[in-house]
C-alpha atoms as a PDB file:
ATOM      1  CA  MET A   1       3.603 321.154  40.516  1.00  0.00           C
ATOM      2  CA  ASP A   2       1.580 323.690  42.721  1.00  0.00           C
ATOM      3  CA  GLN A   3       1.784 321.773  45.864  1.00  0.00           C
ATOM      4  CA  ALA A   4       5.036 321.952  48.363  1.00  0.00           C
ATOM      5  CA  PRO A   5       5.706 318.127  49.034  1.00  0.00           C
ATOM      6  CA  LYS A   6       7.182 317.485  52.368  1.00  0.00           C
ATOM      7  CA  ILE A   7       9.752 314.740  51.877  1.00  0.00           C
ATOM      8  CA  LEU A   8      11.945 313.018  54.586  1.00  0.00           C
ATOM      9  CA  LEU A   9      15.413 312.356  53.522  1.00  0.00           C
ATOM     10  CA  ALA A  10      17.294 309.484  55.033  1.00  0.00           C
ATOM     11  CA  ASP A  11      20.970 309.598  54.876  1.00  0.00           C
ATOM     12  CA  GLY A  12      22.468 306.247  54.983  1.00  0.00           C
ATOM     13  CA  ASN A  13      26.088 306.723  56.013  1.00  0.00           C
ATOM     14  CA  THR A  14      27.363 307.029  59.459  1.00  0.00           C
ATOM     15  CA  LYS A  15      29.064 310.217  60.939  1.00  0.00           C
ATOM     16  CA  ASP A  16      32.763 308.782  60.201  1.00  0.00           C
ATOM     17  CA  ARG A  17      31.842 307.702  56.618  1.00  0.00           C
ATOM     18  CA  ASN A  18      30.044 311.619  55.899  1.00  0.00           C
ATOM     19  CA  ASP A  19      32.981 313.204  57.570  1.00  0.00           C
ATOM     20  CA  ALA A  20      35.286 311.235  55.343  1.00  0.00           C
ATOM     21  CA  MET A  21      33.273 312.561  52.012  1.00  0.00           C
ATOM     22  CA  LYS A  22      33.319 316.131  53.636  1.00  0.00           C
ATOM     23  CA  ALA A  23      37.208 316.157  53.948  1.00  0.00           C
ATOM     24  CA  VAL A  24      37.395 316.069  50.021  1.00  0.00           C
ATOM     25  CA  GLY A  25      34.987 318.609  49.585  1.00  0.00           C
ATOM     26  CA  GLY A  26      31.913 316.260  48.634  1.00  0.00           C
ATOM     27  CA  GLU A  27      28.481 316.685  49.436  1.00  0.00           C
ATOM     28  CA  LEU A  28      26.677 314.035  51.489  1.00  0.00           C
ATOM     29  CA  GLY A  29      23.980 311.580  49.848  1.00  0.00           C
ATOM     30  CA  ALA A  30      21.271 313.128  51.044  1.00  0.00           C
ATOM     31  CA  GLU A  31      22.587 316.664  50.128  1.00  0.00           C
ATOM     32  CA  ARG A  32      22.776 315.591  46.532  1.00  0.00           C
ATOM     33  CA  TYR A  33      19.168 314.572  46.771  1.00  0.00           C
ATOM     34  CA  ALA A  34      17.978 317.610  48.356  1.00  0.00           C
ATOM     35  CA  ASN A  35      19.831 319.880  45.940  1.00  0.00           C
ATOM     36  CA  GLU A  36      18.224 318.183  42.879  1.00  0.00           C
ATOM     37  CA  ILE A  37      14.714 318.004  44.382  1.00  0.00           C
ATOM     38  CA  ARG A  38      15.246 321.845  45.252  1.00  0.00           C
ATOM     39  CA  ARG A  39      16.587 322.683  41.747  1.00  0.00           C
ATOM     40  CA  MET A  40      13.355 321.164  40.131  1.00  0.00           C
ATOM     41  CA  PHE A  41      10.813 321.743  42.798  1.00  0.00           C
ATOM     42  CA  PRO A  42      11.823 325.031  44.707  1.00  0.00           C
ATOM     43  CA  ASN A  43       8.603 324.911  47.086  1.00  0.00           C
ATOM     44  CA  ALA A  44       9.593 321.440  48.205  1.00  0.00           C
ATOM     45  CA  GLN A  45      10.035 320.983  52.114  1.00  0.00           C
ATOM     46  CA  MET A  46      12.680 318.498  53.220  1.00  0.00           C
ATOM     47  CA  THR A  47      13.949 317.216  56.687  1.00  0.00           C
ATOM     48  CA  THR A  48      16.927 315.015  56.715  1.00  0.00           C
ATOM     49  CA  VAL A  49      17.812 312.385  59.359  1.00  0.00           C
ATOM     50  CA  TYR A  50      20.764 310.018  59.868  1.00  0.00           C
ATOM     51  CA  PRO A  51      19.287 306.595  61.117  1.00  0.00           C
ATOM     52  CA  ALA A  52      22.673 304.973  60.797  1.00  0.00           C
ATOM     53  CA  ASP A  53      24.057 306.957  63.774  1.00  0.00           C
ATOM     54  CA  GLY A  54      21.552 305.987  66.473  1.00  0.00           C
ATOM     55  CA  ASP A  55      18.097 305.891  67.491  1.00  0.00           C
ATOM     56  CA  GLY A  56      15.689 308.969  67.926  1.00  0.00           C
ATOM     57  CA  TYR A  57      16.925 310.551  64.772  1.00  0.00           C
ATOM     58  CA  LEU A  58      13.227 312.011  63.853  1.00  0.00           C
ATOM     59  CA  PRO A  59      12.931 315.390  65.007  1.00  0.00           C
ATOM     60  CA  SER A  60      10.695 315.966  68.400  1.00  0.00           C
ATOM     61  CA  GLY A  61       7.106 315.976  67.618  1.00  0.00           C
ATOM     62  CA  ILE A  62       7.341 314.564  64.131  1.00  0.00           C
ATOM     63  CA  ALA A  63       6.065 311.293  62.944  1.00  0.00           C
ATOM     64  CA  LEU A  64       6.542 309.486  59.447  1.00  0.00           C
ATOM     65  CA  GLU A  65       2.763 310.169  58.661  1.00  0.00           C
ATOM     66  CA  ASP A  66       3.787 313.778  58.533  1.00  0.00           C
ATOM     67  CA  PHE A  67       5.454 313.253  55.272  1.00  0.00           C
ATOM     68  CA  ASP A  68       4.410 313.136  51.610  1.00  0.00           C
ATOM     69  CA  GLY A  69       7.241 310.407  50.800  1.00  0.00           C
ATOM     70  CA  MET A  70      10.593 309.413  52.038  1.00  0.00           C
ATOM     71  CA  VAL A  71      13.788 309.275  49.921  1.00  0.00           C
ATOM     72  CA  MET A  72      17.119 307.126  50.892  1.00  0.00           C
ATOM     73  CA  GLY A  73      19.929 307.283  48.875  1.00  0.00           C
ATOM     74  CA  GLY A  74      23.333 305.478  48.914  1.00  0.00           C
ATOM     75  CA  SER A  75      25.712 304.266  51.628  1.00  0.00           C
ATOM     76  CA  GLY A  76      29.161 302.554  52.008  1.00  0.00           C
ATOM     77  CA  LEU A  77      27.387 300.076  54.541  1.00  0.00           C
ATOM     78  CA  ARG A  78      26.732 296.582  53.569  1.00  0.00           C
ATOM     79  CA  ALA A  79      22.763 295.515  53.467  1.00  0.00           C
ATOM     80  CA  PHE A  80      23.194 292.212  54.369  1.00  0.00           C
ATOM     81  CA  GLU A  81      25.403 292.919  57.819  1.00  0.00           C
ATOM     82  CA  GLN A  82      23.456 292.571  60.950  1.00  0.00           C
ATOM     83  CA  ALA A  83      24.910 295.757  62.399  1.00  0.00           C
ATOM     84  CA  PRO A  84      22.763 298.290  64.144  1.00  0.00           C
ATOM     85  CA  GLU A  85      23.663 301.097  61.755  1.00  0.00           C
ATOM     86  CA  VAL A  86      22.046 298.813  59.090  1.00  0.00           C
ATOM     87  CA  THR A  87      19.068 297.264  60.942  1.00  0.00           C
ATOM     88  CA  ARG A  88      17.879 300.591  61.918  1.00  0.00           C
ATOM     89  CA  GLN A  89      17.593 301.660  58.244  1.00  0.00           C
ATOM     90  CA  VAL A  90      15.845 298.459  57.408  1.00  0.00           C
ATOM     91  CA  ASP A  91      13.528 298.979  59.950  1.00  0.00           C
ATOM     92  CA  LEU A  92      12.867 302.560  58.782  1.00  0.00           C
ATOM     93  CA  MET A  93      12.150 301.462  55.658  1.00  0.00           C
ATOM     94  CA  ARG A  94       9.714 298.797  56.824  1.00  0.00           C
ATOM     95  CA  ALA A  95       7.992 301.492  59.005  1.00  0.00           C
ATOM     96  CA  ALA A  96       7.531 303.981  56.166  1.00  0.00           C
ATOM     97  CA  LEU A  97       6.195 301.392  53.413  1.00  0.00           C
ATOM     98  CA  ASP A  98       3.784 299.978  56.345  1.00  0.00           C
ATOM     99  CA  ALA A  99       2.682 303.629  56.928  1.00  0.00           C
ATOM    100  CA  GLY A 100       1.936 303.803  53.321  1.00  0.00           C
ATOM    101  CA  LEU A 101       4.641 306.286  52.179  1.00  0.00           C
ATOM    102  CA  PRO A 102       5.881 306.420  48.655  1.00  0.00           C
ATOM    103  CA  VAL A 103       9.643 305.668  48.915  1.00  0.00           C
ATOM    104  CA  LEU A 104      12.066 306.583  46.445  1.00  0.00           C
ATOM    105  CA  GLY A 105      15.710 304.917  46.460  1.00  0.00           C
ATOM    106  CA  SER A 106      18.983 304.841  44.833  1.00  0.00           C
ATOM    107  CA  CYS A 107      21.553 301.752  45.472  1.00  0.00           C
ATOM    108  CA  TRP A 108      21.612 301.395  49.183  1.00  0.00           C
ATOM    109  CA  GLY A 109      17.932 302.394  49.363  1.00  0.00           C
ATOM    110  CA  LEU A 110      17.212 299.825  46.798  1.00  0.00           C
ATOM    111  CA  GLN A 111      19.079 297.162  48.465  1.00  0.00           C
ATOM    112  CA  ILE A 112      17.460 298.120  52.039  1.00  0.00           C
ATOM    113  CA  ALA A 113      13.917 297.954  50.471  1.00  0.00           C
ATOM    114  CA  ALA A 114      14.595 294.548  49.154  1.00  0.00           C
ATOM    115  CA  VAL A 115      15.680 293.304  52.160  1.00  0.00           C
ATOM    116  CA  ALA A 116      12.883 295.028  54.273  1.00  0.00           C
ATOM    117  CA  ALA A 117      10.408 293.227  52.004  1.00  0.00           C
ATOM    118  CA  GLY A 118      12.000 289.449  52.388  1.00  0.00           C
ATOM    119  CA  GLY A 119      14.416 289.704  49.209  1.00  0.00           C
ATOM    120  CA  ALA A 120      18.139 289.271  49.421  1.00  0.00           C
ATOM    121  CA  VAL A 121      21.286 291.425  48.797  1.00  0.00           C
ATOM    122  CA  GLN A 122      24.798 289.967  48.183  1.00  0.00           C
ATOM    123  CA  ALA A 123      28.527 291.245  47.054  1.00  0.00           C
ATOM    124  CA  SER A 124      28.249 291.263  43.036  1.00  0.00           C
ATOM    125  CA  PRO A 125      30.251 288.341  41.703  1.00  0.00           C
ATOM    126  CA  ARG A 126      31.553 291.244  39.132  1.00  0.00           C
ATOM    127  CA  GLY A 127      32.983 293.349  41.583  1.00  0.00           C
ATOM    128  CA  ARG A 128      32.613 297.213  41.939  1.00  0.00           C
ATOM    129  CA  GLU A 129      30.442 299.284  39.371  1.00  0.00           C
ATOM    130  CA  VAL A 130      31.738 302.544  39.829  1.00  0.00           C
ATOM    131  CA  GLY A 131      31.849 305.819  37.722  1.00  0.00           C
ATOM    132  CA  ILE A 132      28.973 305.521  34.912  1.00  0.00           C
ATOM    133  CA  ALA A 133      26.692 302.454  34.704  1.00  0.00           C
ATOM    134  CA  ARG A 134      26.580 301.597  31.028  1.00  0.00           C
ATOM    135  CA  LYS A 135      23.636 300.394  28.970  1.00  0.00           C
ATOM    136  CA  LEU A 136      20.948 300.688  31.557  1.00  0.00           C
ATOM    137  CA  ALA A 137      18.093 298.981  29.778  1.00  0.00           C
ATOM    138  CA  LEU A 138      14.400 299.203  30.687  1.00  0.00           C
ATOM    139  CA  THR A 139      12.484 296.098  30.894  1.00  0.00           C
ATOM    140  CA  PRO A 140       9.101 295.868  29.156  1.00  0.00           C
ATOM    141  CA  GLN A 141       7.612 296.702  32.661  1.00  0.00           C
ATOM    142  CA  GLY A 142       9.930 299.610  33.083  1.00  0.00           C
ATOM    143  CA  CYS A 143       8.896 300.983  29.762  1.00  0.00           C
ATOM    144  CA  GLY A 144       5.616 301.284  31.070  1.00  0.00           C
ATOM    145  CA  HIS A 145       6.282 302.323  34.469  1.00  0.00           C
ATOM    146  CA  ALA A 146       5.728 305.954  35.868  1.00  0.00           C
ATOM    147  CA  LEU A 147       9.306 305.843  37.178  1.00  0.00           C
ATOM    148  CA  PHE A 148      10.584 305.997  34.030  1.00  0.00           C
ATOM    149  CA  ARG A 149       8.543 308.286  32.081  1.00  0.00           C
ATOM    150  CA  ASP A 150      10.098 310.290  29.212  1.00  0.00           C
ATOM    151  CA  LYS A 151      13.337 308.350  30.049  1.00  0.00           C
ATOM    152  CA  PRO A 152      15.084 306.772  26.851  1.00  0.00           C
ATOM    153  CA  PRO A 153      14.908 302.911  26.701  1.00  0.00           C
ATOM    154  CA  VAL A 154      18.585 302.553  27.003  1.00  0.00           C
ATOM    155  CA  PHE A 155      20.620 305.097  28.990  1.00  0.00           C
ATOM    156  CA  ASP A 156      23.737 305.617  31.123  1.00  0.00           C
ATOM    157  CA  SER A 157      23.804 307.100  34.882  1.00  0.00           C
ATOM    158  CA  PRO A 158      26.093 307.736  37.341  1.00  0.00           C
ATOM    159  CA  CYS A 159      26.758 304.517  39.766  1.00  0.00           C
ATOM    160  CA  ILE A 160      28.986 303.382  42.792  1.00  0.00           C
ATOM    161  CA  HIS A 161      28.333 300.039  44.317  1.00  0.00           C
ATOM    162  CA  TYR A 162      29.982 296.742  45.347  1.00  0.00           C
ATOM    163  CA  ASP A 163      26.695 295.034  46.361  1.00  0.00           C
ATOM    164  CA  GLU A 164      23.408 294.078  44.283  1.00  0.00           C
ATOM    165  CA  VAL A 165      19.902 292.646  44.797  1.00  0.00           C
ATOM    166  CA  THR A 166      20.010 288.961  44.193  1.00  0.00           C
ATOM    167  CA  HIS A 167      16.697 288.020  45.057  1.00  0.00           C
ATOM    168  CA  LEU A 168      13.629 290.472  45.032  1.00  0.00           C
ATOM    169  CA  PRO A 169      10.544 290.062  47.475  1.00  0.00           C
ATOM    170  CA  THR A 170       7.525 288.752  46.438  1.00  0.00           C
ATOM    171  CA  ASP A 171       5.253 291.297  44.216  1.00  0.00           C
ATOM    172  CA  ALA A 172       8.455 292.977  43.224  1.00  0.00           C
ATOM    173  CA  VAL A 173       9.110 294.038  39.656  1.00  0.00           C
ATOM    174  CA  VAL A 174      12.509 294.575  37.518  1.00  0.00           C
ATOM    175  CA  LEU A 175      12.200 297.695  35.845  1.00  0.00           C
ATOM    176  CA  ALA A 176      15.711 297.926  34.731  1.00  0.00           C
ATOM    177  CA  SER A 177      18.915 295.824  33.988  1.00  0.00           C
ATOM    178  CA  ASN A 178      22.402 296.103  32.475  1.00  0.00           C
ATOM    179  CA  GLY A 179      25.247 293.566  31.999  1.00  0.00           C
ATOM    180  CA  HIS A 180      26.643 294.232  35.458  1.00  0.00           C
ATOM    181  CA  SER A 181      23.470 294.022  37.705  1.00  0.00           C
ATOM    182  CA  PHE A 182      20.328 292.397  36.780  1.00  0.00           C
ATOM    183  CA  VAL A 183      18.200 294.348  39.459  1.00  0.00           C
ATOM    184  CA  GLN A 184      19.098 298.149  38.335  1.00  0.00           C
ATOM    185  CA  GLY A 185      15.727 299.415  38.805  1.00  0.00           C
ATOM    186  CA  ALA A 186      12.707 297.750  40.505  1.00  0.00           C
ATOM    187  CA  ALA A 187       9.325 298.633  42.089  1.00  0.00           C
ATOM    188  CA  ILE A 188       8.532 296.841  45.500  1.00  0.00           C
ATOM    189  CA  ARG A 189       5.268 296.554  47.344  1.00  0.00           C
ATOM    190  CA  LEU A 190       5.039 296.294  51.109  1.00  0.00           C
ATOM    191  CA  GLY A 191       2.460 296.977  53.531  1.00  0.00           C
ATOM    192  CA  ALA A 192       0.398 299.757  52.350  1.00  0.00           C
ATOM    193  CA  GLY A 193       3.603 301.619  50.766  1.00  0.00           C
ATOM    194  CA  VAL A 194       5.190 301.225  47.496  1.00  0.00           C
ATOM    195  CA  PHE A 195       8.775 301.659  46.817  1.00  0.00           C
ATOM    196  CA  TRP A 196      10.527 302.664  43.594  1.00  0.00           C
ATOM    197  CA  GLY A 197      14.186 302.501  43.236  1.00  0.00           C
ATOM    198  CA  MET A 198      17.495 302.215  41.135  1.00  0.00           C
ATOM    199  CA  GLN A 199      20.819 300.874  41.920  1.00  0.00           C
ATOM    200  CA  TYR A 200      22.400 303.484  40.116  1.00  0.00           C
ATOM    201  CA  HIS A 201      22.629 307.257  41.242  1.00  0.00           C
ATOM    202  CA  PRO A 202      20.353 309.775  39.171  1.00  0.00           C
ATOM    203  CA  GLU A 203      21.212 312.369  41.864  1.00  0.00           C
ATOM    204  CA  PHE A 204      24.961 312.421  41.158  1.00  0.00           C
ATOM    205  CA  ASP A 205      26.640 314.817  38.985  1.00  0.00           C
ATOM    206  CA  LEU A 206      30.192 314.766  37.524  1.00  0.00           C
ATOM    207  CA  PRO A 207      31.776 316.837  40.374  1.00  0.00           C
ATOM    208  CA  HIS A 208      30.260 314.598  42.795  1.00  0.00           C
ATOM    209  CA  LEU A 209      31.839 311.397  40.993  1.00  0.00           C
ATOM    210  CA  SER A 210      34.929 313.186  40.961  1.00  0.00           C
ATOM    211  CA  LYS A 211      34.697 313.934  44.844  1.00  0.00           C
ATOM    212  CA  LEU A 212      33.962 310.092  45.301  1.00  0.00           C
ATOM    213  CA  TYR A 213      36.917 308.821  43.103  1.00  0.00           C
ATOM    214  CA  ARG A 214      39.167 311.138  45.254  1.00  0.00           C
ATOM    215  CA  ARG A 215      37.393 309.859  48.576  1.00  0.00           C
ATOM    216  CA  TYR A 216      38.211 306.249  47.559  1.00  0.00           C
ATOM    217  CA  ALA A 217      41.629 306.961  45.523  1.00  0.00           C
ATOM    218  CA  ASP A 218      43.572 304.181  47.054  1.00  0.00           C
ATOM    219  CA  ASP A 219      41.070 301.476  46.279  1.00  0.00           C
ATOM    220  CA  MET A 220      40.552 302.986  42.903  1.00  0.00           C
ATOM    221  CA  VAL A 221      44.206 302.483  42.104  1.00  0.00           C
ATOM    222  CA  LYS A 222      44.736 299.381  44.010  1.00  0.00           C
ATOM    223  CA  GLN A 223      41.718 297.916  42.009  1.00  0.00           C
ATOM    224  CA  GLY A 224      43.254 298.627  38.721  1.00  0.00           C
ATOM    225  CA  TYR A 225      40.857 301.556  37.518  1.00  0.00           C
ATOM    226  CA  PHE A 226      43.545 303.862  37.335  1.00  0.00           C
ATOM    227  CA  GLU A 227      47.436 303.286  36.998  1.00  0.00           C
ATOM    228  CA  ASP A 228      48.144 306.010  40.009  1.00  0.00           C
ATOM    229  CA  VAL A 229      47.087 308.719  41.836  1.00  0.00           C
ATOM    230  CA  ASP A 230      48.224 311.095  39.120  1.00  0.00           C
ATOM    231  CA  ALA A 231      45.932 309.475  36.413  1.00  0.00           C
ATOM    232  CA  LEU A 232      42.985 309.306  38.680  1.00  0.00           C
ATOM    233  CA  GLU A 233      43.519 313.115  39.132  1.00  0.00           C
ATOM    234  CA  ARG A 234      43.586 313.964  35.553  1.00  0.00           C
ATOM    235  CA  TYR A 235      40.531 311.884  35.013  1.00  0.00           C
ATOM    236  CA  CYS A 236      38.565 313.899  37.749  1.00  0.00           C
ATOM    237  CA  HIS A 237      40.011 317.017  36.253  1.00  0.00           C
ATOM    238  CA  ASP A 238      38.371 316.155  32.744  1.00  0.00           C
ATOM    239  CA  MET A 239      34.838 315.250  34.746  1.00  0.00           C
ATOM    240  CA  ASP A 240      34.956 318.802  36.436  1.00  0.00           C
ATOM    241  CA  ALA A 241      35.852 320.412  32.985  1.00  0.00           C
ATOM    242  CA  LEU A 242      33.162 318.784  31.111  1.00  0.00           C
ATOM    243  CA  HIS A 243      30.650 319.585  33.815  1.00  0.00           C
ATOM    244  CA  GLN A 244      31.590 323.255  33.298  1.00  0.00           C
ATOM    245  CA  ASP A 245      31.408 323.080  29.598  1.00  0.00           C
ATOM    246  CA  PRO A 246      29.405 320.296  28.570  1.00  0.00           C
ATOM    247  CA  SER A 247      29.941 321.232  24.947  1.00  0.00           C
ATOM    248  CA  ARG A 248      33.490 319.732  24.974  1.00  0.00           C
ATOM    249  CA  LEU A 249      33.319 316.901  22.409  1.00  0.00           C
ATOM    250  CA  ASP A 250      37.016 315.946  23.009  1.00  0.00           C
ATOM    251  CA  LEU A 251      36.145 315.254  27.031  1.00  0.00           C
ATOM    252  CA  ARG A 252      32.680 313.773  25.745  1.00  0.00           C
ATOM    253  CA  TRP A 253      34.386 311.533  23.553  1.00  0.00           C
ATOM    254  CA  ARG A 254      37.288 310.628  26.044  1.00  0.00           C
ATOM    255  CA  LEU A 255      35.316 309.865  28.947  1.00  0.00           C
ATOM    256  CA  GLY A 256      32.165 308.294  26.993  1.00  0.00           C
ATOM    257  CA  VAL A 257      29.619 310.542  28.562  1.00  0.00           C
ATOM    258  CA  ASP A 258      26.602 311.848  26.845  1.00  0.00           C
ATOM    259  CA  ASP A 259      23.558 313.968  27.418  1.00  0.00           C
ATOM    260  CA  ASP A 260      21.963 311.234  29.435  1.00  0.00           C
ATOM    261  CA  VAL A 261      24.457 312.005  32.259  1.00  0.00           C
ATOM    262  CA  LEU A 262      25.210 315.785  31.251  1.00  0.00           C
ATOM    263  CA  ASP A 263      21.842 317.092  31.117  1.00  0.00           C
ATOM    264  CA  ALA A 264      20.494 317.301  34.536  1.00  0.00           C
ATOM    265  CA  ASP A 265      16.841 317.274  33.767  1.00  0.00           C
ATOM    266  CA  MET A 266      17.383 313.904  31.717  1.00  0.00           C
ATOM    267  CA  ARG A 267      19.872 312.300  34.434  1.00  0.00           C
ATOM    268  CA  CYS A 268      17.162 312.990  37.287  1.00  0.00           C
ATOM    269  CA  ARG A 269      13.925 312.146  35.103  1.00  0.00           C
ATOM    270  CA  GLU A 270      13.348 309.525  37.859  1.00  0.00           C
ATOM    271  CA  ILE A 271      13.578 311.703  40.713  1.00  0.00           C
ATOM    272  CA  ARG A 272      11.162 314.352  39.017  1.00  0.00           C
ATOM    273  CA  ASN A 273       8.654 311.485  38.152  1.00  0.00           C
ATOM    274  CA  TRP A 274       8.682 310.356  41.535  1.00  0.00           C
ATOM    275  CA  VAL A 275       8.063 313.676  43.362  1.00  0.00           C
ATOM    276  CA  GLU A 276       5.224 314.551  40.782  1.00  0.00           C
ATOM    277  CA  SER A 277       3.667 311.153  41.664  1.00  0.00           C
ATOM    278  CA  LEU A 278       3.272 312.490  45.204  1.00  0.00           C
ATOM    279  CA  ALA A 279       0.572 314.928  44.105  1.00  0.00           C
ATOM    280  CA  SER A 280      -1.496 312.211  42.261  1.00  0.00           C
END
């Protein structure tokens, strides 16, 4: 891509949640997206805003129409709650799509887009899907969609979520599913804009997952994912080691992780496809 797309990154978390992630040495959700976009498109111009923290989040003199597209990543908030930190983001999503902006979202971003367009989000009856979303399968519509160009028809990807889209709005299309959540990928139209999104997190790498495990260590142990904190730490150590040396067969086997997660270009194919679509 010769162009330098101007992209608005909307971080979905509140300051206290972001501070808790920083406390374990982790990146913020918007930073993960920025780093992956910059890796693939060094000329991209990105502006990050924090709509959960209050009104007036856009820099002075800048409007939504000044951007080529918007990205909204994850959040620990609940999309079905009528709290200001949530409704501000629903309003932002609706305004961006009404303005004709292409929008990409993962996890929270998908849920907020669904709510903004008239759909519904609820807690998943299967509980938390965390770590690696397994056997994500493209629907027939997904196989032919530009979001998944050059993506395998079945793949794994990083994830963390309690909630899921239960009812898609009118004119929305399911693009990917798995055994945990029927809506793992979707395209949603609202106003003049189009939203492409995933319930999983292609922007996350293994070190980010290990930081998330540490961030939510008490919950992970309490919910039975690990016997104790020491077991969690051993698992996180293995993830970090595999990231450093993706050729380690022992860790690939033990963690059940393959190139669809370890190869950054394959893992982030959806992000690349969306950014490239901005020039079309």
